[in-house]
C-alpha atoms as a PDB file:
ATOM      1  CA  MET A   1      -5.781 -37.896  25.253  1.00  0.00           C
ATOM      2  CA  LEU A   2      -5.568 -35.928  28.408  1.00  0.00           C
ATOM      3  CA  ASP A   3      -7.335 -32.742  29.375  1.00  0.00           C
ATOM      4  CA  GLY A   4      -4.904 -31.681  32.522  1.00  0.00           C
ATOM      5  CA  GLU A   5      -4.968 -35.127  34.227  1.00  0.00           C
ATOM      6  CA  THR A   6      -8.438 -36.613  32.966  1.00  0.00           C
ATOM      7  CA  VAL A   7      -8.568 -38.847  30.062  1.00  0.00           C
ATOM      8  CA  VAL A   8     -10.962 -37.361  27.339  1.00  0.00           C
ATOM      9  CA  GLY A   9     -10.241 -39.908  24.542  1.00  0.00           C
ATOM     10  CA  CYS A  10      -8.267 -42.921  23.435  1.00  0.00           C
ATOM     11  CA  GLY A  11      -7.617 -44.756  20.465  1.00  0.00           C
ATOM     12  CA  ALA A  12      -4.600 -47.393  18.828  1.00  0.00           C
ATOM     13  CA  VAL A  13      -2.747 -48.376  15.694  1.00  0.00           C
ATOM     14  CA  LYS A  14      -2.351 -51.958  14.827  1.00  0.00           C
ATOM     15  CA  ARG A  15      -0.001 -52.507  12.787  1.00  0.00           C
ATOM     16  CA  LEU A  16      -1.364 -55.016   9.413  1.00  0.00           C
ATOM     17  CA  ASP A  17       1.911 -55.005   7.063  1.00  0.00           C
ATOM     18  CA  ALA A  18       4.560 -52.281   6.600  1.00  0.00           C
ATOM     19  CA  GLY A  19       2.194 -49.798   4.856  1.00  0.00           C
ATOM     20  CA  HIS A  20      -1.052 -50.351   6.095  1.00  0.00           C
ATOM     21  CA  ALA A  21      -2.345 -50.106   9.712  1.00  0.00           C
ATOM     22  CA  GLU A  22      -5.911 -50.004  11.316  1.00  0.00           C
ATOM     23  CA  LEU A  23      -6.935 -47.686  13.338  1.00  0.00           C
ATOM     24  CA  LYS A  24      -8.687 -49.551  16.746  1.00  0.00           C
ATOM     25  CA  SER A  25     -10.966 -48.875  19.581  1.00  0.00           C
ATOM     26  CA  MET A  26     -11.100 -44.953  19.281  1.00  0.00           C
ATOM     27  CA  ARG A  27     -13.000 -43.588  21.896  1.00  0.00           C
ATOM     28  CA  THR A  28     -14.184 -40.410  23.601  1.00  0.00           C
ATOM     29  CA  ALA A  29     -15.390 -39.754  27.229  1.00  0.00           C
ATOM     30  CA  VAL A  30     -18.878 -39.680  27.512  1.00  0.00           C
ATOM     31  CA  ASP A  31     -19.262 -36.325  29.342  1.00  0.00           C
ATOM     32  CA  ARG A  32     -16.755 -34.801  26.265  1.00  0.00           C
ATOM     33  CA  GLN A  33     -18.739 -36.219  23.537  1.00  0.00           C
ATOM     34  CA  ARG A  34     -19.709 -33.430  20.633  1.00  0.00           C
ATOM     35  CA  GLY A  35     -16.755 -31.026  21.702  1.00  0.00           C
ATOM     36  CA  GLY A  36     -13.998 -32.046  19.162  1.00  0.00           C
ATOM     37  CA  ILE A  37     -12.068 -34.607  21.233  1.00  0.00           C
ATOM     38  CA  ALA A  38     -12.428 -37.191  18.415  1.00  0.00           C
ATOM     39  CA  SER A  39     -11.201 -34.796  15.719  1.00  0.00           C
ATOM     40  CA  ARG A  40      -8.248 -33.852  17.584  1.00  0.00           C
ATOM     41  CA  LEU A  41      -7.343 -37.352  18.769  1.00  0.00           C
ATOM     42  CA  LEU A  42      -7.977 -38.626  14.810  1.00  0.00           C
ATOM     43  CA  GLU A  43      -5.972 -36.073  13.309  1.00  0.00           C
ATOM     44  CA  HIS A  44      -3.158 -36.863  16.345  1.00  0.00           C
ATOM     45  CA  ILE A  45      -3.856 -40.939  15.380  1.00  0.00           C
ATOM     46  CA  LEU A  46      -3.219 -40.274  11.798  1.00  0.00           C
ATOM     47  CA  GLY A  47      -0.148 -38.096  12.495  1.00  0.00           C
ATOM     48  CA  GLU A  48       1.403 -40.734  14.303  1.00  0.00           C
ATOM     49  CA  ALA A  49       0.748 -43.293  11.720  1.00  0.00           C
ATOM     50  CA  ARG A  50       2.068 -41.189   9.243  1.00  0.00           C
ATOM     51  CA  GLY A  51       5.335 -41.055  11.212  1.00  0.00           C
ATOM     52  CA  MET A  52       5.548 -44.737  11.836  1.00  0.00           C
ATOM     53  CA  GLY A  53       5.995 -45.314   8.180  1.00  0.00           C
ATOM     54  CA  PHE A  54       2.140 -46.515   7.085  1.00  0.00           C
ATOM     55  CA  GLY A  55       0.766 -45.099   3.892  1.00  0.00           C
ATOM     56  CA  ARG A  56      -2.627 -46.547   4.446  1.00  0.00           C
ATOM     57  CA  VAL A  57      -4.635 -46.724   7.325  1.00  0.00           C
ATOM     58  CA  SER A  58      -8.261 -48.486   7.877  1.00  0.00           C
ATOM     59  CA  LEU A  59     -11.025 -49.239  10.155  1.00  0.00           C
ATOM     60  CA  GLU A  60     -13.980 -51.424  10.855  1.00  0.00           C
ATOM     61  CA  THR A  61     -17.064 -49.328  12.895  1.00  0.00           C
ATOM     62  CA  GLY A  62     -20.596 -50.222  13.209  1.00  0.00           C
ATOM     63  CA  SER A  63     -23.048 -50.364  10.662  1.00  0.00           C
ATOM     64  CA  GLU A  64     -26.144 -49.437  12.582  1.00  0.00           C
ATOM     65  CA  GLU A  65     -27.750 -45.688  13.244  1.00  0.00           C
ATOM     66  CA  PHE A  66     -25.778 -45.433  16.380  1.00  0.00           C
ATOM     67  CA  PHE A  67     -22.567 -45.061  14.464  1.00  0.00           C
ATOM     68  CA  LEU A  68     -23.280 -42.750  12.164  1.00  0.00           C
ATOM     69  CA  PRO A  69     -21.693 -39.939  14.206  1.00  0.00           C
ATOM     70  CA  ALA A  70     -18.409 -41.954  13.934  1.00  0.00           C
ATOM     71  CA  ARG A  71     -18.751 -43.015   9.923  1.00  0.00           C
ATOM     72  CA  ARG A  72     -19.230 -38.878   9.299  1.00  0.00           C
ATOM     73  CA  LEU A  73     -16.581 -38.211  11.622  1.00  0.00           C
ATOM     74  CA  TYR A  74     -13.995 -40.643   9.391  1.00  0.00           C
ATOM     75  CA  GLU A  75     -15.511 -39.417   6.149  1.00  0.00           C
ATOM     76  CA  ARG A  76     -14.625 -35.695   7.027  1.00  0.00           C
ATOM     77  CA  PHE A  77     -11.107 -37.077   7.946  1.00  0.00           C
ATOM     78  CA  GLY A  78     -11.064 -38.765   4.158  1.00  0.00           C
ATOM     79  CA  PHE A  79     -11.998 -42.132   4.796  1.00  0.00           C
ATOM     80  CA  GLY A  80     -13.686 -43.942   2.056  1.00  0.00           C
ATOM     81  CA  TYR A  81     -15.787 -47.082   2.516  1.00  0.00           C
ATOM     82  CA  CYS A  82     -13.634 -50.622   1.239  1.00  0.00           C
ATOM     83  CA  ASP A  83     -14.283 -53.915   1.314  1.00  0.00           C
ATOM     84  CA  PRO A  84     -13.029 -56.133   4.670  1.00  0.00           C
ATOM     85  CA  PHE A  85      -9.489 -56.339   5.338  1.00  0.00           C
ATOM     86  CA  GLY A  86      -6.837 -57.692   7.377  1.00  0.00           C
ATOM     87  CA  GLY A  87      -8.831 -60.874   9.079  1.00  0.00           C
ATOM     88  CA  TYR A  88     -12.247 -59.789   8.391  1.00  0.00           C
ATOM     89  CA  ARG A  89     -15.206 -60.940   6.883  1.00  0.00           C
ATOM     90  CA  PRO A  90     -18.295 -59.392   5.048  1.00  0.00           C
ATOM     91  CA  ASP A  91     -20.714 -58.785   8.200  1.00  0.00           C
ATOM     92  CA  PRO A  92     -24.122 -56.949   8.355  1.00  0.00           C
ATOM     93  CA  ASN A  93     -23.012 -55.192  11.335  1.00  0.00           C
ATOM     94  CA  SER A  94     -20.016 -53.959   9.981  1.00  0.00           C
ATOM     95  CA  VAL A  95     -18.756 -51.115   7.487  1.00  0.00           C
ATOM     96  CA  PHE A  96     -15.155 -51.020   6.731  1.00  0.00           C
ATOM     97  CA  MET A  97     -13.561 -47.685   5.801  1.00  0.00           C
ATOM     98  CA  THR A  98      -9.692 -46.864   4.638  1.00  0.00           C
ATOM     99  CA  ARG A  99      -7.949 -44.046   3.864  1.00  0.00           C
ATOM    100  CA  LEU A 100      -3.996 -43.176   2.032  1.00  0.00           C
ATOM    101  CA  LEU A 101      -1.922 -41.349   4.203  1.00  0.00           C
END
């Protein structure tokens, strides 16, 4: 995501199968955190995933307190907690979330 010519956020979608994608490595520039960039970026990524024909998007994030703002953002966008997906295995440092599009 750009603000003029400055990159303020990025993210990616990885195809897991024909109807299921993984949200990968969403990041916001440190000096732009808490400014709505992550919400705008997530909205854009979900729209792109929908446009690519995916019916579900899942993600893995950290279980530590540091990742609480990210988990709350995903919850606000309709993600719920789920079991590991794809090649992931249960891990006390990971939290898995998913939502239908």
